[in-house]
């Protein structure tokens, strides 16, 4: 006769083995797939991501982001700039603001933290941004200063949700890293600026 603790352990092992088998059957690989909202949703739906509630199932870059090793806002800036109107006055202003940066870096939205902080307080950029670009920029700034830095406000979940909504509306690329920002807020350390 099996003891109740032995049965309980047997049930746990059985459930764990079942989850591992399900995971191994659901490995996704998409080399040429662009990181867009639709493609990420399709990939995660195929993996039945929400059904199993996996916390981390990605590359080390995402693990680093979730652990706070990489602030992540430089990637958010990159996706925002790449979605901006190339002929718009706000995008052209980036060349004026940072004349020493190469055209390729500006087009790809490759900025470092101090440059991004300069733009946060730049009144001219704030004036030149219009419509959805302005809303996405404001949402990005709020997430960067009220969640990804040294301070986490009580409404950080709403701020992240608003930013993702604005990025989607702007047509920004939805990288897997940004998806994890939305799906795994509870995994971020209390102080992301450490």
Protein backbone atom coordinates (compact mmCIF):
# COMPACT_ATOMS: atom_id res chain seq x y z
CA UNK A 1 0.00 0.00 0.00
CA UNK A 2 1.37 3.42 -0.99
CA UNK A 3 1.53 6.19 1.64
CA UNK A 4 -0.31 9.46 1.06
CA UNK A 5 2.99 11.39 0.82
CA UNK A 6 4.28 8.82 -1.70
CA UNK A 7 1.09 9.22 -3.77
CA UNK A 8 1.37 13.00 -3.59
CA UNK A 9 4.99 12.85 -4.77
CA UNK A 10 3.99 10.46 -7.55
CA UNK A 11 1.29 12.91 -8.71
CA UNK A 12 3.76 15.80 -8.70
CA UNK A 13 6.32 13.83 -10.71
CA UNK A 14 3.62 12.73 -13.16
CA UNK A 15 2.40 16.31 -13.66
CA UNK A 16 5.95 17.59 -14.09
CA UNK A 17 6.73 14.89 -16.66
CA UNK A 18 3.54 15.76 -18.53
CA UNK A 19 4.47 19.45 -18.59
CA UNK A 20 7.99 18.67 -19.85
CA UNK A 21 6.58 16.44 -22.62
CA UNK A 22 4.14 19.20 -23.63
CA UNK A 23 6.96 21.74 -23.68
CA UNK A 24 9.21 19.55 -25.81
CA UNK A 25 6.38 19.06 -28.29
CA UNK A 26 5.88 22.83 -28.55
CA UNK A 27 9.30 24.19 -29.50
CA UNK A 28 9.07 27.05 -31.98
CA UNK A 29 11.74 28.16 -34.41
CA UNK A 30 11.32 30.91 -36.99
CA UNK A 31 14.54 32.27 -38.48
CA UNK A 32 13.06 34.48 -41.20
CA UNK A 33 9.98 35.59 -39.28
CA UNK A 34 9.81 39.33 -38.60
CA UNK A 35 9.13 40.37 -34.99
CA UNK A 36 5.64 41.84 -35.45
CA UNK A 37 2.54 41.76 -33.26
CA UNK A 38 0.82 39.29 -35.58
CA UNK A 39 3.79 36.96 -35.91
CA UNK A 40 4.51 36.96 -32.18
CA UNK A 41 0.85 36.25 -31.46
CA UNK A 42 0.83 33.43 -34.01
CA UNK A 43 4.01 31.93 -32.57
CA UNK A 44 2.79 32.15 -28.98
CA UNK A 45 -0.63 30.74 -29.93
CA UNK A 46 1.03 27.77 -31.66
CA UNK A 47 3.10 27.14 -28.54
CA UNK A 48 -0.07 27.40 -26.39
CA UNK A 49 1.92 29.86 -24.32
CA UNK A 50 -0.95 31.10 -22.15
CA UNK A 51 -2.20 27.56 -21.45
CA UNK A 52 1.03 26.47 -19.79
CA UNK A 53 1.99 29.82 -18.27
CA UNK A 54 5.71 29.42 -18.90
CA UNK A 55 7.73 32.22 -17.37
CA UNK A 56 10.81 32.16 -19.60
CA UNK A 57 11.10 30.34 -22.89
CA UNK A 58 13.51 32.39 -24.94
CA UNK A 59 17.09 33.43 -25.52
CA UNK A 60 19.51 34.85 -22.97
CA UNK A 61 18.83 38.43 -24.11
CA UNK A 62 15.29 38.11 -22.80
CA UNK A 63 16.45 36.47 -19.59
CA UNK A 64 18.83 39.41 -19.09
CA UNK A 65 16.01 41.87 -19.73
CA UNK A 66 13.72 40.09 -17.28
CA UNK A 67 16.43 40.02 -14.63
CA UNK A 68 17.05 43.74 -15.03
CA UNK A 69 20.53 43.24 -16.47
CA UNK A 70 19.60 45.29 -19.51
CA UNK A 71 17.39 48.29 -18.94
CA UNK A 72 15.52 47.65 -22.15
CA UNK A 73 14.56 51.21 -22.92
CA UNK A 74 17.19 51.48 -25.67
CA UNK A 75 15.35 48.69 -27.49
CA UNK A 76 12.05 50.52 -26.94
CA UNK A 77 13.60 53.67 -28.43
CA UNK A 78 14.88 51.71 -31.41
CA UNK A 79 11.43 50.28 -32.21
CA UNK A 80 9.79 53.68 -31.81
CA UNK A 81 12.24 55.54 -34.09
CA UNK A 82 12.01 52.84 -36.75
CA UNK A 83 8.22 53.32 -36.84
CA UNK A 84 8.41 57.12 -37.19
CA UNK A 85 7.63 58.91 -40.45
CA UNK A 86 11.02 59.28 -42.18
CA UNK A 87 9.86 62.49 -43.85
CA UNK A 88 8.40 63.97 -40.68
CA UNK A 89 9.96 66.97 -38.98
CA UNK A 90 10.50 65.07 -35.71
CA UNK A 91 12.52 62.35 -37.42
CA UNK A 92 14.57 64.91 -39.36
CA UNK A 93 15.23 66.76 -36.11
CA UNK A 94 17.12 63.73 -34.79
CA UNK A 95 19.81 64.41 -37.44
CA UNK A 96 19.98 68.02 -36.31
CA UNK A 97 20.13 67.10 -32.63
CA UNK A 98 22.86 64.46 -33.06
CA UNK A 99 24.93 65.50 -36.12
CA UNK A 100 27.84 63.25 -35.07
CA UNK A 101 25.68 60.10 -35.28
CA UNK A 102 25.72 58.25 -38.57
CA UNK A 103 22.64 58.23 -40.77
CA UNK A 104 22.43 54.45 -40.34
CA UNK A 105 22.35 54.71 -36.52
CA UNK A 106 19.59 57.31 -36.60
CA UNK A 107 17.52 55.36 -39.15
CA UNK A 108 17.84 52.24 -36.99
CA UNK A 109 17.06 54.17 -33.81
CA UNK A 110 20.34 53.26 -32.14
CA UNK A 111 20.73 55.67 -29.25
CA UNK A 112 22.39 55.26 -25.87
CA UNK A 113 20.89 56.16 -22.51
CA UNK A 114 22.30 59.71 -22.21
CA UNK A 115 21.07 60.61 -25.71
CA UNK A 116 17.61 59.28 -24.90
CA UNK A 117 17.56 61.30 -21.68
CA UNK A 118 18.50 64.43 -23.68
CA UNK A 119 15.50 63.79 -25.91
CA UNK A 120 13.20 63.31 -22.91
CA UNK A 121 13.78 66.95 -21.91
CA UNK A 122 14.06 68.37 -25.42
CA UNK A 123 11.22 70.86 -25.91
CA UNK A 124 11.77 71.15 -29.65
CA UNK A 125 11.31 67.41 -30.21
CA UNK A 126 8.25 67.49 -27.99
CA UNK A 127 6.84 70.29 -30.17
CA UNK A 128 7.68 68.56 -33.47
CA UNK A 129 6.08 65.23 -32.59
CA UNK A 130 2.45 64.99 -33.68
CA UNK A 131 -0.45 62.54 -33.43
CA UNK A 132 0.34 58.90 -32.72
CA UNK A 133 4.10 59.55 -32.75
CA UNK A 134 3.65 62.06 -29.92
CA UNK A 135 1.42 59.68 -27.95
CA UNK A 136 3.87 56.79 -28.41
CA UNK A 137 6.81 59.02 -27.40
CA UNK A 138 5.01 60.23 -24.27
CA UNK A 139 4.08 56.65 -23.34
CA UNK A 140 7.67 55.49 -23.88
CA UNK A 141 9.01 58.34 -21.75
CA UNK A 142 6.58 57.51 -18.94
CA UNK A 143 7.51 53.81 -18.94
CA UNK A 144 11.22 54.64 -19.02
CA UNK A 145 11.04 57.07 -16.12
CA UNK A 146 8.32 55.40 -14.03
CA UNK A 147 9.16 51.72 -14.43
CA UNK A 148 12.48 50.89 -16.11
CA UNK A 149 14.57 53.23 -13.99
CA UNK A 150 15.10 53.54 -10.25
CA UNK A 151 11.46 54.39 -9.58
CA UNK A 152 8.39 52.18 -10.01
CA UNK A 153 5.09 53.99 -9.71
CA UNK A 154 1.91 52.26 -8.60
CA UNK A 155 0.36 52.48 -12.07
CA UNK A 156 3.32 50.99 -13.97
CA UNK A 157 1.18 48.17 -15.40
CA UNK A 158 -1.19 50.69 -17.01
CA UNK A 159 1.77 52.69 -18.32
CA UNK A 160 3.25 49.61 -20.00
CA UNK A 161 -0.15 48.63 -21.42
CA UNK A 162 -0.66 52.15 -22.83
CA UNK A 163 2.81 52.19 -24.37
CA UNK A 164 2.32 48.82 -26.05
CA UNK A 165 -1.04 49.97 -27.37
CA UNK A 166 0.50 53.14 -28.82
CA UNK A 167 3.42 51.21 -30.35
CA UNK A 168 0.92 48.87 -31.98
CA UNK A 169 -1.14 51.79 -33.30
CA UNK A 170 2.03 53.42 -34.68
CA UNK A 171 2.93 50.17 -36.46
CA UNK A 172 6.08 49.60 -34.44
CA UNK A 173 7.78 46.24 -34.64
CA UNK A 174 6.73 44.09 -31.71
CA UNK A 175 9.93 42.36 -30.69
CA UNK A 176 9.75 39.37 -28.43
CA UNK A 177 11.59 41.43 -25.83
CA UNK A 178 8.80 44.01 -25.81
CA UNK A 179 6.20 41.24 -25.62
CA UNK A 180 7.93 39.94 -22.49
CA UNK A 181 7.76 43.42 -21.00
CA UNK A 182 3.99 43.13 -21.25
CA UNK A 183 3.59 39.46 -20.35
CA UNK A 184 6.05 39.17 -17.48
CA UNK A 185 5.95 42.42 -15.53
CA UNK A 186 5.99 40.44 -12.29
CA UNK A 187 9.45 39.04 -13.17
CA UNK A 188 11.11 42.46 -13.26
CA UNK A 189 13.04 43.46 -10.15
CA UNK A 190 11.59 46.23 -7.99
CA UNK A 191 14.38 48.59 -9.07
CA UNK A 192 15.19 48.14 -12.78
CA UNK A 193 17.80 50.90 -12.65
CA UNK A 194 20.18 49.02 -10.38
